[in-house]
Protein backbone atom coordinates (compact mmCIF):
# COMPACT_ATOMS: atom_id res chain seq x y z
CA MET A 1 25.57 -0.63 -19.11
CA GLU A 2 24.09 2.20 -17.38
CA ASN A 3 20.52 1.43 -18.65
CA LYS A 4 21.00 -2.14 -17.51
CA ALA A 5 22.13 -1.00 -14.05
CA LYS A 6 19.04 1.32 -13.83
CA GLN A 7 16.74 -1.56 -14.80
CA LYS A 8 18.24 -3.85 -12.02
CA LEU A 9 17.96 -1.08 -9.43
CA TRP A 10 14.24 -0.31 -10.30
CA THR A 11 13.52 -3.85 -10.57
CA ILE A 12 14.64 -4.26 -7.02
CA LEU A 13 12.79 -1.17 -6.04
CA ALA A 14 9.63 -2.43 -7.60
CA ALA A 15 9.86 -5.60 -5.65
CA SER A 16 10.39 -3.62 -2.56
CA ALA A 17 7.36 -1.43 -3.30
CA ALA A 18 5.21 -4.70 -3.58
CA ALA A 19 6.39 -5.90 -0.44
CA MET A 20 5.53 -2.76 1.23
CA TRP A 21 1.93 -3.09 0.08
CA GLY A 22 1.96 -6.39 1.63
CA VAL A 23 3.49 -5.25 4.79
CA SER A 24 1.02 -2.44 5.09
CA GLY A 25 -1.72 -5.02 5.49
CA LEU A 26 0.19 -6.10 8.61
CA PHE A 27 0.02 -2.60 9.93
CA GLY A 28 -3.70 -2.56 9.37
CA GLU A 29 -4.15 -5.95 11.05
CA ALA A 30 -2.24 -4.67 14.08
CA LEU A 31 -4.26 -1.56 14.02
CA PHE A 32 -7.59 -3.33 14.29
CA GLY A 33 -6.20 -5.14 17.24
CA VAL A 34 -5.71 -1.92 19.17
CA SER A 35 -9.48 -0.98 19.47
CA ASN A 36 -12.74 -2.24 18.21
CA ALA A 37 -13.55 1.54 17.39
CA ILE A 38 -11.10 1.33 14.60
CA THR A 39 -12.88 -0.01 11.55
CA PRO A 40 -11.89 -0.75 7.90
CA LEU A 41 -14.31 2.01 6.87
CA TRP A 42 -12.52 4.57 9.11
CA LEU A 43 -8.96 3.31 8.00
CA THR A 44 -10.01 3.45 4.28
CA GLN A 45 -11.43 6.91 4.61
CA THR A 46 -8.34 8.23 6.36
CA ARG A 47 -5.96 6.49 4.25
CA MET A 48 -7.67 7.68 0.88
CA ILE A 49 -8.06 11.35 1.78
CA ILE A 50 -4.66 11.83 3.44
CA SER A 51 -2.83 10.10 0.56
CA ALA A 52 -4.83 12.09 -1.98
CA VAL A 53 -3.96 15.24 -0.56
CA VAL A 54 -0.16 14.38 -0.39
CA LEU A 55 -0.34 13.03 -3.94
CA LEU A 56 -2.07 16.05 -5.47
CA THR A 57 0.36 18.42 -3.67
CA ILE A 58 3.27 16.46 -5.06
CA ALA A 59 1.71 16.63 -8.44
CA GLN A 60 1.26 20.48 -8.17
CA ILE A 61 4.70 20.92 -7.03
CA LEU A 62 6.03 18.92 -9.97
CA GLY A 63 4.10 21.00 -12.39
CA HIS A 64 1.41 18.30 -13.42
CA LYS A 65 -1.44 20.84 -13.16
CA PRO A 66 -4.00 18.45 -11.35
CA PHE A 67 -6.90 20.89 -11.46
CA SER A 68 -6.53 21.29 -15.12
CA THR A 69 -7.50 17.48 -15.50
CA LEU A 70 -10.85 18.25 -14.08
CA LYS A 71 -11.78 20.57 -16.87
CA ASN A 72 -11.98 17.73 -19.28
CA LYS A 73 -15.54 16.19 -18.81
CA HIS A 74 -14.58 12.78 -20.08
CA ASP A 75 -11.40 12.63 -17.97
CA LEU A 76 -13.46 13.86 -14.82
CA LEU A 77 -16.05 11.03 -15.37
CA VAL A 78 -13.37 8.41 -15.66
CA ILE A 79 -11.63 9.54 -12.51
CA ILE A 80 -14.93 9.49 -10.55
CA ALA A 81 -15.60 5.96 -11.82
CA TYR A 82 -12.01 5.03 -10.93
CA GLY A 83 -12.47 6.17 -7.41
CA LEU A 84 -15.70 4.75 -6.80
CA PHE A 85 -15.71 1.47 -8.49
CA GLY A 86 -11.97 0.63 -8.52
CA LEU A 87 -10.02 2.23 -5.57
CA LEU A 88 -12.96 2.19 -3.09
CA PRO A 89 -13.77 -1.46 -3.35
CA VAL A 90 -10.14 -2.68 -3.66
CA GLN A 91 -9.16 -0.99 -0.48
CA LEU A 92 -12.29 -1.16 1.62
CA PHE A 93 -12.90 -4.94 1.05
CA TYR A 94 -9.33 -5.67 1.43
CA PHE A 95 -9.40 -4.17 5.04
CA ILE A 96 -12.56 -5.95 5.69
CA VAL A 97 -10.86 -9.30 5.08
CA ILE A 98 -7.87 -8.25 7.12
CA GLN A 99 -10.36 -7.61 10.08
CA GLN A 100 -12.34 -10.81 9.46
CA ALA A 101 -9.32 -13.05 8.70
CA ASN A 102 -5.77 -11.79 8.35
CA ALA A 103 -3.44 -9.73 6.15
CA SER A 104 -2.26 -12.86 4.32
CA VAL A 105 -5.62 -14.15 3.23
CA ALA A 106 -6.60 -10.58 2.24
CA THR A 107 -3.71 -10.17 0.02
CA ILE A 108 -3.80 -13.60 -1.53
CA LEU A 109 -7.46 -13.30 -2.44
CA GLN A 110 -6.97 -9.74 -3.90
CA PHE A 111 -4.06 -11.09 -5.88
CA MET A 112 -6.46 -12.91 -8.05
CA GLY A 113 -7.82 -9.79 -9.84
CA PRO A 114 -6.14 -10.64 -13.13
CA PHE A 115 -8.66 -13.43 -13.68
CA PHE A 116 -11.63 -11.02 -13.53
CA VAL A 117 -9.64 -8.71 -15.95
CA ILE A 118 -9.30 -11.73 -18.37
CA ALA A 119 -12.97 -12.73 -17.95
CA TYR A 120 -14.18 -9.17 -18.64
CA LEU A 121 -12.06 -8.83 -21.70
CA GLY A 122 -13.11 -12.23 -22.96
CA ILE A 123 -16.84 -11.37 -22.61
CA THR A 124 -16.77 -7.70 -23.96
CA HIS A 125 -13.76 -7.54 -26.31
CA LYS A 126 -13.90 -11.23 -27.38
CA GLN A 127 -10.32 -11.60 -26.39
CA VAL A 128 -9.14 -15.33 -26.86
CA ILE A 129 -8.89 -17.03 -23.50
CA ARG A 130 -6.11 -19.64 -23.87
CA ARG A 131 -5.96 -23.03 -22.57
CA LEU A 132 -3.28 -21.98 -20.05
CA ASP A 133 -5.64 -19.23 -18.65
CA ILE A 134 -8.30 -21.79 -17.99
CA ILE A 135 -5.86 -24.17 -16.34
CA ALA A 136 -4.70 -21.27 -14.25
CA ALA A 137 -8.07 -20.28 -13.24
CA ILE A 138 -8.94 -23.85 -12.14
CA ALA A 139 -5.61 -24.00 -10.26
CA ALA A 140 -6.29 -20.51 -8.60
CA PHE A 141 -9.97 -21.63 -7.46
CA ILE A 142 -8.47 -24.83 -6.03
CA GLY A 143 -5.97 -22.81 -4.11
CA VAL A 144 -8.68 -20.55 -2.73
CA PHE A 145 -10.76 -23.59 -1.66
CA LEU A 146 -7.76 -25.01 0.19
CA LEU A 147 -7.11 -21.60 1.73
CA ALA A 148 -10.71 -21.14 2.83
CA THR A 149 -11.25 -24.89 4.11
CA HIS A 150 -7.77 -26.17 5.10
CA GLY A 151 -8.56 -28.83 2.62
CA LYS A 152 -11.67 -30.04 4.53
CA PHE A 153 -14.96 -30.24 2.60
CA ASN A 154 -17.07 -29.82 5.59
CA GLN A 155 -15.96 -26.58 7.24
CA LEU A 156 -14.83 -22.95 6.27
CA ALA A 157 -11.45 -21.83 7.89
CA ILE A 158 -12.45 -18.24 7.12
CA THR A 159 -15.94 -16.55 7.52
CA PRO A 160 -18.09 -16.46 4.52
CA LEU A 161 -18.03 -12.59 4.71
CA ALA A 162 -14.19 -12.73 4.54
CA LEU A 163 -14.31 -14.93 1.49
CA LEU A 164 -16.90 -12.84 -0.35
CA CYS A 165 -15.11 -9.53 0.45
CA GLY A 166 -11.96 -11.04 -0.73
CA PHE A 167 -13.50 -11.65 -4.26
CA LEU A 168 -14.99 -8.28 -4.11
CA SER A 169 -11.61 -6.92 -3.62
CA ALA A 170 -10.27 -8.93 -6.36
CA ILE A 171 -13.08 -7.42 -8.61
CA GLY A 172 -12.21 -3.90 -7.44
CA GLU A 173 -8.51 -4.67 -8.32
CA ALA A 174 -9.71 -5.57 -11.89
CA SER A 175 -11.86 -2.42 -12.13
CA TYR A 176 -8.81 -0.43 -10.69
CA THR A 177 -6.77 -1.90 -13.77
CA LEU A 178 -9.46 -1.55 -16.55
CA ILE A 179 -11.15 1.73 -15.82
CA PRO A 180 -8.39 4.29 -16.26
CA VAL A 181 -7.05 2.68 -19.48
CA SER A 182 -8.51 5.37 -21.75
CA ILE A 183 -6.77 8.27 -19.81
CA VAL A 184 -3.73 6.67 -18.25
CA LYS A 185 -1.32 7.70 -21.06
CA ARG A 186 -2.53 11.36 -21.01
CA VAL A 187 -3.02 11.95 -17.42
CA SER A 188 -0.20 11.75 -14.81
CA SER A 189 -0.31 8.75 -12.47
CA LEU A 190 0.07 11.17 -9.51
CA VAL A 191 -3.03 13.19 -10.64
CA LEU A 192 -5.13 10.16 -11.57
CA THR A 193 -4.39 8.25 -8.23
CA GLY A 194 -4.58 11.43 -6.32
CA TRP A 195 -8.19 12.39 -7.57
CA GLY A 196 -9.30 8.92 -7.52
CA MET A 197 -8.37 8.49 -3.89
CA LEU A 198 -10.09 11.75 -3.09
CA VAL A 199 -13.24 10.63 -4.76
CA ALA A 200 -13.15 7.26 -2.97
CA GLY A 201 -12.58 8.97 0.35
CA ILE A 202 -15.28 11.48 -0.03
CA GLY A 203 -17.70 8.93 -1.27
CA LEU A 204 -17.24 6.76 2.07
CA ILE A 205 -17.84 9.96 4.13
CA ILE A 206 -21.02 10.52 2.26
CA ILE A 207 -22.11 6.94 2.94
CA HIS A 208 -20.99 6.99 6.49
CA PRO A 209 -20.36 10.49 7.68
CA ASN A 210 -20.20 9.54 11.38
CA PHE A 211 -16.57 8.92 12.45
CA PRO A 212 -15.96 6.43 15.40
CA PRO A 213 -14.23 7.73 18.71
CA ILE A 214 -10.73 6.62 17.78
CA PRO A 215 -8.40 6.12 20.76
CA ASN A 216 -5.91 9.03 20.88
CA LYS A 217 -2.78 6.94 21.41
CA PRO A 218 0.62 7.13 19.79
CA GLN A 219 0.39 3.46 18.66
CA VAL A 220 -2.82 4.28 16.69
CA TRP A 221 -1.27 7.08 14.74
CA LEU A 222 2.03 5.49 14.03
CA LEU A 223 0.29 2.42 12.76
CA ALA A 224 -2.20 4.48 10.57
CA GLY A 225 0.64 6.72 9.32
CA ALA A 226 2.69 3.42 8.38
CA VAL A 227 -0.41 2.29 6.23
CA ILE A 228 -0.56 5.70 4.63
CA VAL A 229 3.16 6.39 4.02
CA ILE A 230 4.69 2.96 3.72
CA GLY A 231 1.51 1.33 2.30
CA THR A 232 0.51 4.01 -0.29
CA ILE A 233 2.68 7.11 -0.71
CA ILE A 234 6.14 5.56 -1.05
CA PRO A 235 5.30 2.25 -2.92
CA PHE A 236 3.11 4.39 -5.46
CA GLN A 237 6.01 6.61 -6.18
CA ILE A 238 8.28 3.81 -6.79
CA MET A 239 6.08 1.82 -9.10
CA ALA A 240 5.15 5.04 -11.09
CA ASN A 241 8.95 5.52 -11.74
CA ALA A 242 9.93 1.85 -12.12
CA LEU A 243 7.58 1.53 -15.20
CA ARG A 244 9.96 3.97 -16.91
CA TYR A 245 12.85 1.39 -16.74
CA VAL A 246 11.16 -1.88 -16.13
CA LYS A 247 8.88 -3.77 -18.52
CA PRO A 248 5.11 -3.85 -17.31
CA ALA A 249 5.13 -7.61 -17.61
CA ILE A 250 8.06 -7.85 -15.18
CA VAL A 251 6.48 -5.40 -12.73
CA SER A 252 3.20 -7.36 -12.76
CA LEU A 253 5.44 -10.57 -11.95
CA LEU A 254 7.08 -8.62 -9.08
CA ASP A 255 3.52 -7.92 -7.59
CA ALA A 256 3.83 -11.56 -6.24
CA PHE A 257 5.98 -10.07 -3.63
CA GLU A 258 2.98 -8.41 -2.07
CA PRO A 259 1.16 -11.75 -0.77
CA LEU A 260 4.57 -13.22 -0.04
CA ALA A 261 5.40 -10.40 2.21
CA ALA A 262 2.06 -10.37 3.86
CA THR A 263 2.00 -14.11 4.47
CA PHE A 264 5.57 -14.48 5.77
CA GLY A 265 5.20 -11.32 7.83
CA ALA A 266 1.90 -12.71 9.31
CA VAL A 267 3.74 -15.91 10.15
CA LEU A 268 6.54 -14.18 11.78
CA VAL A 269 4.79 -11.11 13.38
CA PHE A 270 1.28 -12.58 14.28
CA ASN A 271 2.38 -16.20 14.72
CA LEU A 272 -0.05 -17.04 12.04
CA SER A 273 -0.30 -20.88 11.87
CA MET A 274 -0.51 -22.22 8.37
CA SER A 275 -1.23 -25.73 7.57
CA VAL A 276 0.24 -27.73 4.69
CA MET A 277 -3.10 -27.06 2.74
CA ASP A 278 -2.75 -23.49 3.27
CA TRP A 279 0.76 -23.35 1.91
CA ILE A 280 -0.19 -25.49 -1.06
CA GLY A 281 -3.41 -23.19 -1.71
CA THR A 282 -1.09 -20.08 -1.46
CA ILE A 283 1.34 -21.53 -3.92
CA LEU A 284 -1.27 -22.61 -6.29
CA ILE A 285 -2.71 -18.96 -6.44
CA LEU A 286 0.69 -17.39 -6.84
CA VAL A 287 1.60 -19.73 -9.65
CA ALA A 288 -1.60 -19.53 -11.39
CA VAL A 289 -1.52 -15.65 -11.55
CA LEU A 290 2.06 -15.59 -12.53
CA ALA A 291 1.23 -18.23 -15.42
CA LEU A 292 -1.13 -15.45 -16.91
CA ASN A 293 1.99 -13.47 -17.92
CA ILE A 294 3.54 -16.31 -20.02
CA SER A 295 3.34 -15.45 -23.69
CA PRO A 296 3.96 -18.08 -26.27
CA LYS A 297 6.66 -16.25 -28.12
CA ASN A 298 7.21 -18.93 -30.76
CA LYS A 299 3.71 -19.09 -31.86
CA ILE A 300 3.63 -15.35 -32.12
CA LYS A 301 6.71 -15.48 -34.34
CA ARG A 302 5.36 -18.20 -36.56
CA ARG A 303 2.13 -16.34 -37.20
CA LYS A 304 4.07 -13.21 -38.11
CA GLN A 305 6.20 -15.22 -40.63
CA SER A 306 3.21 -17.04 -42.24
């Protein structure tokens, strides 16, 4: 009974963490509205570096020895790749879409990452792509079309840059999932994410070392702090611990709370007007991604018995 109670508790907490990620996009959207000087690049740099320092500090206090991980050449290379090709694009392009469109669109497009994972595994590992996967992919892209055009063939409801960056963010989500597979069981998630974020943050500073003149207003630092704490540090810790009690398949289903929170939040807070076609597109994408987690248990059992 105690284990079931813990499972229920951490299931609720995992759903809350996913919702926090969605809400953090709303904080980012509000931040971009304060001043034109606040850019997705600056916010990503700031979020990554501060979060990295906090996570690595926590890892050191808990005895995970973050610096020892860097001594292993293979692990170091994986962490660098994880930061530059996973965390960097998934965050930077996500915030660009928020600036160009809104947090709802950004989160929904990023939510399509699992389709790129399946495509990659199908090409490189010859993983069988099921009929359900193909149907889900078609449904998801119809959803993207409806979201991007409001169902009208002759116009885009969002800019081409926002649509492109949305797909790049989803690809980054796939890379974020695939790159650390070889070390995720050996390296603490705190250490992996901490170093990955630091690599991504430093990489962005190298690319663009000039920081814009950010307005020194309480509103700016409160919103930026909310993105870092509510959108990174707290939900990361919850998700890392939730996986001890909740099955990964269930956790992946709970990720749907992220785009839902972002969408309803945008409607309530920013008075985002969504047409019927927008809602249909959103539901199609959500259902399509959730369908990827359906496993034909009966078929698996029959194969084992034969």
